[in-house]
Amino acid sequence: MLDAHLPSTPAHPLTLNRAPVGSRLRLVGIRGGRQMTRRLLALGLSVGCELELLHHRGHGVVVARNGNRVALGAGVAEHLLVEVLA
C-alpha cells in the first residue's frame, strides 16, 4: 500500500484520493470499465491530462482542470491513478 507522503513515480502511481492537496498531477491510469472511462471523458478527464487537487471531501476529492472544478466521489477517486508532477 502506498503512502500519501511518498513521492509517486510512473512505476508506482498513487490513487487520486491519496494524493496531497495542492499538488499538480497527471492522470496515468483508470482502473475501471468502459462506462467509468466515458463518464470521466465527459467531465474532461482522460489519461495523460494534468490536474490540480484542490481539496479532499471526506474520501472524495475536488480537482481543477482547465479552469473547471470537478468533484469526484470516493469510489471514482480510488480508481484513478496519478503521478505527482514536480
N, C-alpha and C. Protein backbone atom coordinates (compact mmCIF):
# COMPACT_ATOMS: atom_id res chain seq x y z
N MET A 1 0.85 -1.17 0.00
CA MET A 1 0.00 0.00 0.00
C MET A 1 0.90 1.23 0.00
N LEU A 2 0.58 2.18 -0.87
CA LEU A 2 1.38 3.39 -0.98
C LEU A 2 0.91 4.43 0.03
N ASP A 3 1.83 5.21 0.52
CA ASP A 3 1.53 6.27 1.48
C ASP A 3 1.44 7.60 0.75
N ALA A 4 0.56 8.48 1.20
CA ALA A 4 0.36 9.77 0.53
C ALA A 4 1.59 10.65 0.62
N HIS A 5 2.43 10.47 1.64
CA HIS A 5 3.60 11.34 1.76
C HIS A 5 4.78 10.85 0.94
N LEU A 6 4.69 9.69 0.35
CA LEU A 6 5.76 9.18 -0.50
C LEU A 6 5.58 9.72 -1.91
N PRO A 7 6.66 10.09 -2.59
CA PRO A 7 6.52 10.59 -3.95
C PRO A 7 6.05 9.48 -4.88
N SER A 8 5.21 9.84 -5.84
CA SER A 8 4.78 8.85 -6.81
C SER A 8 5.77 8.83 -7.96
N THR A 9 5.84 7.72 -8.62
CA THR A 9 6.67 7.58 -9.82
C THR A 9 5.81 6.90 -10.86
N PRO A 10 6.20 6.98 -12.13
CA PRO A 10 5.41 6.27 -13.14
C PRO A 10 5.26 4.78 -12.84
N ALA A 11 6.26 4.18 -12.20
CA ALA A 11 6.17 2.76 -11.87
C ALA A 11 5.29 2.52 -10.66
N HIS A 12 5.11 3.53 -9.80
CA HIS A 12 4.31 3.40 -8.58
C HIS A 12 3.39 4.60 -8.42
N PRO A 13 2.34 4.67 -9.23
CA PRO A 13 1.43 5.82 -9.11
C PRO A 13 0.57 5.74 -7.84
N LEU A 14 0.04 6.88 -7.44
CA LEU A 14 -0.88 6.97 -6.31
C LEU A 14 -2.30 6.92 -6.82
N THR A 15 -3.23 6.52 -5.96
CA THR A 15 -4.63 6.72 -6.30
C THR A 15 -4.95 8.19 -6.01
N LEU A 16 -5.89 8.75 -6.73
CA LEU A 16 -6.19 10.16 -6.61
C LEU A 16 -6.58 10.56 -5.19
N ASN A 17 -7.29 9.70 -4.49
CA ASN A 17 -7.73 10.04 -3.14
C ASN A 17 -6.58 10.02 -2.13
N ARG A 18 -5.39 9.58 -2.50
CA ARG A 18 -4.24 9.56 -1.60
C ARG A 18 -3.21 10.63 -1.94
N ALA A 19 -3.46 11.39 -3.00
CA ALA A 19 -2.52 12.44 -3.41
C ALA A 19 -2.63 13.63 -2.47
N PRO A 20 -1.54 14.38 -2.30
CA PRO A 20 -1.56 15.53 -1.41
C PRO A 20 -2.33 16.72 -2.00
N VAL A 21 -3.06 17.42 -1.14
CA VAL A 21 -3.82 18.60 -1.54
C VAL A 21 -2.86 19.67 -2.06
N GLY A 22 -3.26 20.35 -3.12
CA GLY A 22 -2.44 21.41 -3.70
C GLY A 22 -1.45 20.93 -4.73
N SER A 23 -1.37 19.63 -4.96
CA SER A 23 -0.37 19.11 -5.89
C SER A 23 -0.88 19.13 -7.33
N ARG A 24 0.06 19.29 -8.25
CA ARG A 24 -0.22 19.14 -9.67
C ARG A 24 -0.02 17.67 -10.00
N LEU A 25 -0.95 17.11 -10.75
CA LEU A 25 -0.95 15.67 -11.01
C LEU A 25 -1.15 15.39 -12.48
N ARG A 26 -0.72 14.21 -12.90
CA ARG A 26 -1.02 13.70 -14.24
C ARG A 26 -1.79 12.40 -14.05
N LEU A 27 -2.90 12.28 -14.73
CA LEU A 27 -3.70 11.06 -14.69
C LEU A 27 -3.01 10.02 -15.57
N VAL A 28 -2.57 8.91 -14.96
CA VAL A 28 -1.81 7.91 -15.70
C VAL A 28 -2.57 6.60 -15.90
N GLY A 29 -3.71 6.45 -15.25
CA GLY A 29 -4.46 5.22 -15.44
C GLY A 29 -5.84 5.28 -14.81
N ILE A 30 -6.73 4.49 -15.38
CA ILE A 30 -8.10 4.38 -14.86
C ILE A 30 -8.36 2.90 -14.62
N ARG A 31 -8.58 2.54 -13.36
CA ARG A 31 -8.92 1.15 -13.03
C ARG A 31 -10.44 1.04 -12.98
N GLY A 32 -11.03 1.03 -14.13
CA GLY A 32 -12.47 0.95 -14.22
C GLY A 32 -12.86 0.51 -15.61
N GLY A 33 -14.13 0.32 -15.79
CA GLY A 33 -14.62 -0.16 -17.06
C GLY A 33 -14.87 0.95 -18.06
N ARG A 34 -15.47 0.57 -19.15
CA ARG A 34 -15.75 1.48 -20.24
C ARG A 34 -16.70 2.60 -19.80
N GLN A 35 -17.69 2.27 -18.97
CA GLN A 35 -18.65 3.26 -18.51
C GLN A 35 -17.98 4.35 -17.68
N MET A 36 -17.08 3.97 -16.78
CA MET A 36 -16.37 4.95 -15.97
C MET A 36 -15.49 5.83 -16.85
N THR A 37 -14.80 5.22 -17.80
CA THR A 37 -13.92 5.97 -18.69
C THR A 37 -14.72 6.99 -19.49
N ARG A 38 -15.88 6.59 -19.99
CA ARG A 38 -16.73 7.51 -20.75
C ARG A 38 -17.23 8.66 -19.88
N ARG A 39 -17.62 8.36 -18.65
CA ARG A 39 -18.09 9.41 -17.75
C ARG A 39 -16.98 10.41 -17.46
N LEU A 40 -15.77 9.92 -17.24
CA LEU A 40 -14.64 10.80 -16.98
C LEU A 40 -14.31 11.65 -18.21
N LEU A 41 -14.40 11.06 -19.39
CA LEU A 41 -14.18 11.82 -20.62
C LEU A 41 -15.19 12.95 -20.75
N ALA A 42 -16.43 12.69 -20.38
CA ALA A 42 -17.48 13.71 -20.42
C ALA A 42 -17.18 14.85 -19.45
N LEU A 43 -16.45 14.55 -18.38
CA LEU A 43 -16.06 15.57 -17.40
C LEU A 43 -14.75 16.26 -17.78
N GLY A 44 -14.15 15.85 -18.90
CA GLY A 44 -12.90 16.46 -19.35
C GLY A 44 -11.66 15.81 -18.78
N LEU A 45 -11.79 14.60 -18.24
CA LEU A 45 -10.66 13.89 -17.64
C LEU A 45 -10.32 12.67 -18.47
N SER A 46 -9.06 12.58 -18.89
CA SER A 46 -8.60 11.43 -19.66
C SER A 46 -7.16 11.13 -19.27
N VAL A 47 -6.72 9.94 -19.60
CA VAL A 47 -5.35 9.55 -19.29
C VAL A 47 -4.39 10.51 -19.99
N GLY A 48 -3.44 11.02 -19.22
CA GLY A 48 -2.45 11.97 -19.74
C GLY A 48 -2.75 13.41 -19.39
N CYS A 49 -3.97 13.70 -18.94
CA CYS A 49 -4.31 15.10 -18.62
C CYS A 49 -3.69 15.50 -17.28
N GLU A 50 -3.48 16.82 -17.13
CA GLU A 50 -2.93 17.35 -15.89
C GLU A 50 -4.05 17.95 -15.05
N LEU A 51 -3.96 17.74 -13.74
CA LEU A 51 -4.97 18.18 -12.79
C LEU A 51 -4.29 18.88 -11.63
N GLU A 52 -5.09 19.62 -10.88
CA GLU A 52 -4.63 20.13 -9.59
C GLU A 52 -5.63 19.65 -8.55
N LEU A 53 -5.14 19.05 -7.49
CA LEU A 53 -6.00 18.57 -6.41
C LEU A 53 -6.29 19.74 -5.48
N LEU A 54 -7.54 20.21 -5.47
CA LEU A 54 -7.91 21.38 -4.68
C LEU A 54 -8.18 21.03 -3.23
N HIS A 55 -8.97 20.00 -2.98
CA HIS A 55 -9.18 19.55 -1.60
C HIS A 55 -9.90 18.21 -1.55
N HIS A 56 -9.80 17.60 -0.38
CA HIS A 56 -10.48 16.34 -0.11
C HIS A 56 -11.84 16.65 0.48
N ARG A 57 -12.84 15.88 0.10
CA ARG A 57 -14.19 16.00 0.66
C ARG A 57 -14.53 14.62 1.21
N GLY A 58 -14.24 14.40 2.47
CA GLY A 58 -14.37 13.05 3.02
C GLY A 58 -13.33 12.20 2.32
N HIS A 59 -13.78 11.15 1.65
CA HIS A 59 -12.86 10.31 0.87
C HIS A 59 -12.88 10.69 -0.60
N GLY A 60 -13.75 11.62 -0.99
CA GLY A 60 -13.79 12.12 -2.35
C GLY A 60 -12.83 13.29 -2.50
N VAL A 61 -12.75 13.83 -3.70
CA VAL A 61 -11.82 14.92 -3.98
C VAL A 61 -12.48 15.95 -4.90
N VAL A 62 -11.89 17.13 -4.92
CA VAL A 62 -12.24 18.16 -5.90
C VAL A 62 -10.96 18.48 -6.66
N VAL A 63 -11.02 18.39 -7.98
CA VAL A 63 -9.86 18.66 -8.82
C VAL A 63 -10.19 19.80 -9.78
N ALA A 64 -9.15 20.46 -10.28
CA ALA A 64 -9.30 21.51 -11.28
C ALA A 64 -8.59 21.08 -12.55
N ARG A 65 -9.23 21.39 -13.67
CA ARG A 65 -8.64 21.11 -14.98
C ARG A 65 -9.12 22.18 -15.93
N ASN A 66 -8.21 22.94 -16.52
CA ASN A 66 -8.53 23.99 -17.49
C ASN A 66 -9.57 24.97 -16.95
N GLY A 67 -9.43 25.37 -15.70
CA GLY A 67 -10.35 26.34 -15.12
C GLY A 67 -11.67 25.77 -14.64
N ASN A 68 -11.90 24.49 -14.82
CA ASN A 68 -13.13 23.85 -14.36
C ASN A 68 -12.84 23.01 -13.12
N ARG A 69 -13.79 23.02 -12.19
CA ARG A 69 -13.67 22.20 -10.99
C ARG A 69 -14.59 21.00 -11.13
N VAL A 70 -14.08 19.85 -10.70
CA VAL A 70 -14.86 18.61 -10.77
C VAL A 70 -14.76 17.92 -9.42
N ALA A 71 -15.91 17.60 -8.84
CA ALA A 71 -15.95 16.83 -7.60
C ALA A 71 -16.13 15.36 -7.96
N LEU A 72 -15.28 14.52 -7.39
CA LEU A 72 -15.34 13.08 -7.64
C LEU A 72 -15.53 12.36 -6.31
N GLY A 73 -16.42 11.41 -6.29
CA GLY A 73 -16.66 10.63 -5.09
C GLY A 73 -15.53 9.67 -4.80
N ALA A 74 -15.57 9.09 -3.63
CA ALA A 74 -14.52 8.17 -3.18
C ALA A 74 -14.39 6.96 -4.11
N GLY A 75 -15.52 6.44 -4.58
CA GLY A 75 -15.49 5.27 -5.46
C GLY A 75 -14.75 5.52 -6.75
N VAL A 76 -14.88 6.72 -7.29
CA VAL A 76 -14.18 7.07 -8.53
C VAL A 76 -12.72 7.42 -8.22
N ALA A 77 -12.51 8.24 -7.19
CA ALA A 77 -11.15 8.71 -6.87
C ALA A 77 -10.19 7.57 -6.56
N GLU A 78 -10.69 6.49 -5.97
CA GLU A 78 -9.78 5.38 -5.65
C GLU A 78 -9.46 4.52 -6.87
N HIS A 79 -10.14 4.77 -7.99
CA HIS A 79 -9.86 4.02 -9.21
C HIS A 79 -9.02 4.81 -10.22
N LEU A 80 -8.65 6.03 -9.86
CA LEU A 80 -7.84 6.86 -10.75
C LEU A 80 -6.40 6.88 -10.25
N LEU A 81 -5.47 6.55 -11.13
CA LEU A 81 -4.05 6.51 -10.80
C LEU A 81 -3.37 7.76 -11.32
N VAL A 82 -2.62 8.42 -10.43
CA VAL A 82 -1.96 9.68 -10.79
C VAL A 82 -0.50 9.65 -10.38
N GLU A 83 0.27 10.52 -11.03
CA GLU A 83 1.64 10.78 -10.60
C GLU A 83 1.75 12.25 -10.27
N VAL A 84 2.51 12.56 -9.24
CA VAL A 84 2.71 13.94 -8.82
C VAL A 84 3.76 14.58 -9.73
N LEU A 85 3.45 15.76 -10.26
CA LEU A 85 4.38 16.47 -11.13
C LEU A 85 5.23 17.42 -10.29
N ALA A 86 6.46 17.61 -10.70
CA ALA A 86 7.37 18.49 -9.96
C ALA A 86 7.00 19.94 -10.10
